[in-house]
């Protein structure tokens, strides 16, 4: 049961990542604005990437524990 739930959560994270890295949301952050000297699009990409990695880590660690 626990393995099935972890698998479903990993699929949900993968689908969310696909949506977050797809065109409609990327176009929202493709503006001539900067955050601490870094373009807004780059901040969004790296922050989203880190959040996806953290979510995958959380799901995998919960499954092992």
C-alpha atoms as a PDB file:
ATOM      1  CA  UNK A   1       0.000   0.000   0.000  1.00  0.00           C
ATOM      2  CA  UNK A   2       2.733   2.478   0.959  1.00  0.00           C
ATOM      3  CA  UNK A   3       4.685   1.764  -2.236  1.00  0.00           C
ATOM      4  CA  UNK A   4       1.638   2.452  -4.388  1.00  0.00           C
ATOM      5  CA  UNK A   5       1.027   5.776  -2.678  1.00  0.00           C
ATOM      6  CA  UNK A   6       4.668   6.809  -3.145  1.00  0.00           C
ATOM      7  CA  UNK A   7       4.472   5.896  -6.808  1.00  0.00           C
ATOM      8  CA  UNK A   8       1.339   7.969  -7.237  1.00  0.00           C
ATOM      9  CA  UNK A   9       2.995  10.909  -5.507  1.00  0.00           C
ATOM     10  CA  UNK A  10       6.046  10.637  -7.771  1.00  0.00           C
ATOM     11  CA  UNK A  11       3.783  10.653 -10.816  1.00  0.00           C
ATOM     12  CA  UNK A  12       1.993  13.729  -9.437  1.00  0.00           C
ATOM     13  CA  UNK A  13       5.315  15.510  -8.903  1.00  0.00           C
ATOM     14  CA  UNK A  14       6.385  14.623 -12.443  1.00  0.00           C
ATOM     15  CA  UNK A  15       3.127  15.962 -13.897  1.00  0.00           C
ATOM     16  CA  UNK A  16       3.395  19.138 -11.823  1.00  0.00           C
ATOM     17  CA  UNK A  17       6.976  19.637 -13.018  1.00  0.00           C
ATOM     18  CA  UNK A  18       5.850  19.187 -16.607  1.00  0.00           C
ATOM     19  CA  UNK A  19       3.235  21.893 -16.158  1.00  0.00           C
ATOM     20  CA  UNK A  20       5.605  24.231 -14.312  1.00  0.00           C
ATOM     21  CA  UNK A  21       8.271  24.000 -17.020  1.00  0.00           C
ATOM     22  CA  UNK A  22       5.837  24.348 -19.918  1.00  0.00           C
ATOM     23  CA  UNK A  23       5.192  27.423 -22.071  1.00  0.00           C
ATOM     24  CA  UNK A  24       2.211  29.164 -20.469  1.00  0.00           C
ATOM     25  CA  UNK A  25       3.851  29.510 -17.060  1.00  0.00           C
ATOM     26  CA  UNK A  26       7.292  30.268 -18.463  1.00  0.00           C
ATOM     27  CA  UNK A  27       5.850  33.150 -20.454  1.00  0.00           C
ATOM     28  CA  UNK A  28       4.547  34.725 -17.226  1.00  0.00           C
ATOM     29  CA  UNK A  29       8.103  35.049 -15.920  1.00  0.00           C
ATOM     30  CA  UNK A  30       9.756  36.112 -19.183  1.00  0.00           C
ATOM     31  CA  UNK A  31       9.737  39.797 -18.284  1.00  0.00           C
ATOM     32  CA  UNK A  32      12.478  42.416 -18.258  1.00  0.00           C
ATOM     33  CA  UNK A  33      12.641  42.311 -14.456  1.00  0.00           C
ATOM     34  CA  UNK A  34      15.489  41.291 -12.192  1.00  0.00           C
ATOM     35  CA  UNK A  35      15.779  39.818  -8.719  1.00  0.00           C
ATOM     36  CA  UNK A  36      19.103  40.795  -7.143  1.00  0.00           C
ATOM     37  CA  UNK A  37      20.558  41.304 -10.607  1.00  0.00           C
ATOM     38  CA  UNK A  38      19.363  37.936 -11.987  1.00  0.00           C
ATOM     39  CA  UNK A  39      16.648  37.845 -14.659  1.00  0.00           C
ATOM     40  CA  UNK A  40      13.242  36.803 -13.303  1.00  0.00           C
ATOM     41  CA  UNK A  41      12.963  33.831 -15.684  1.00  0.00           C
ATOM     42  CA  UNK A  42      16.223  32.337 -14.393  1.00  0.00           C
ATOM     43  CA  UNK A  43      15.115  32.786 -10.774  1.00  0.00           C
ATOM     44  CA  UNK A  44      11.839  31.024 -11.568  1.00  0.00           C
ATOM     45  CA  UNK A  45      13.567  28.150 -13.374  1.00  0.00           C
ATOM     46  CA  UNK A  46      16.106  27.452 -10.642  1.00  0.00           C
ATOM     47  CA  UNK A  47      13.614  27.896  -7.785  1.00  0.00           C
ATOM     48  CA  UNK A  48      11.131  25.556  -9.477  1.00  0.00           C
ATOM     49  CA  UNK A  49      13.869  23.054 -10.225  1.00  0.00           C
ATOM     50  CA  UNK A  50      14.952  23.085  -6.562  1.00  0.00           C
ATOM     51  CA  UNK A  51      11.331  22.676  -5.419  1.00  0.00           C
ATOM     52  CA  UNK A  52      10.813  19.671  -7.710  1.00  0.00           C
ATOM     53  CA  UNK A  53      14.009  18.029  -6.417  1.00  0.00           C
ATOM     54  CA  UNK A  54      12.911  18.703  -2.826  1.00  0.00           C
ATOM     55  CA  UNK A  55       9.479  17.189  -3.495  1.00  0.00           C
ATOM     56  CA  UNK A  56      10.996  14.064  -5.057  1.00  0.00           C
ATOM     57  CA  UNK A  57      13.395  13.741  -2.128  1.00  0.00           C
ATOM     58  CA  UNK A  58      10.519  14.102   0.344  1.00  0.00           C
ATOM     59  CA  UNK A  59       8.474  11.387  -1.388  1.00  0.00           C
ATOM     60  CA  UNK A  60      11.394   8.957  -1.617  1.00  0.00           C
ATOM     61  CA  UNK A  61      12.526   9.525   1.969  1.00  0.00           C
ATOM     62  CA  UNK A  62       8.988   9.010   3.310  1.00  0.00           C
ATOM     63  CA  UNK A  63       8.780   5.748   1.391  1.00  0.00           C
ATOM     64  CA  UNK A  64      11.988   4.407   2.940  1.00  0.00           C
ATOM     65  CA  UNK A  65      11.127   5.501   6.478  1.00  0.00           C
END
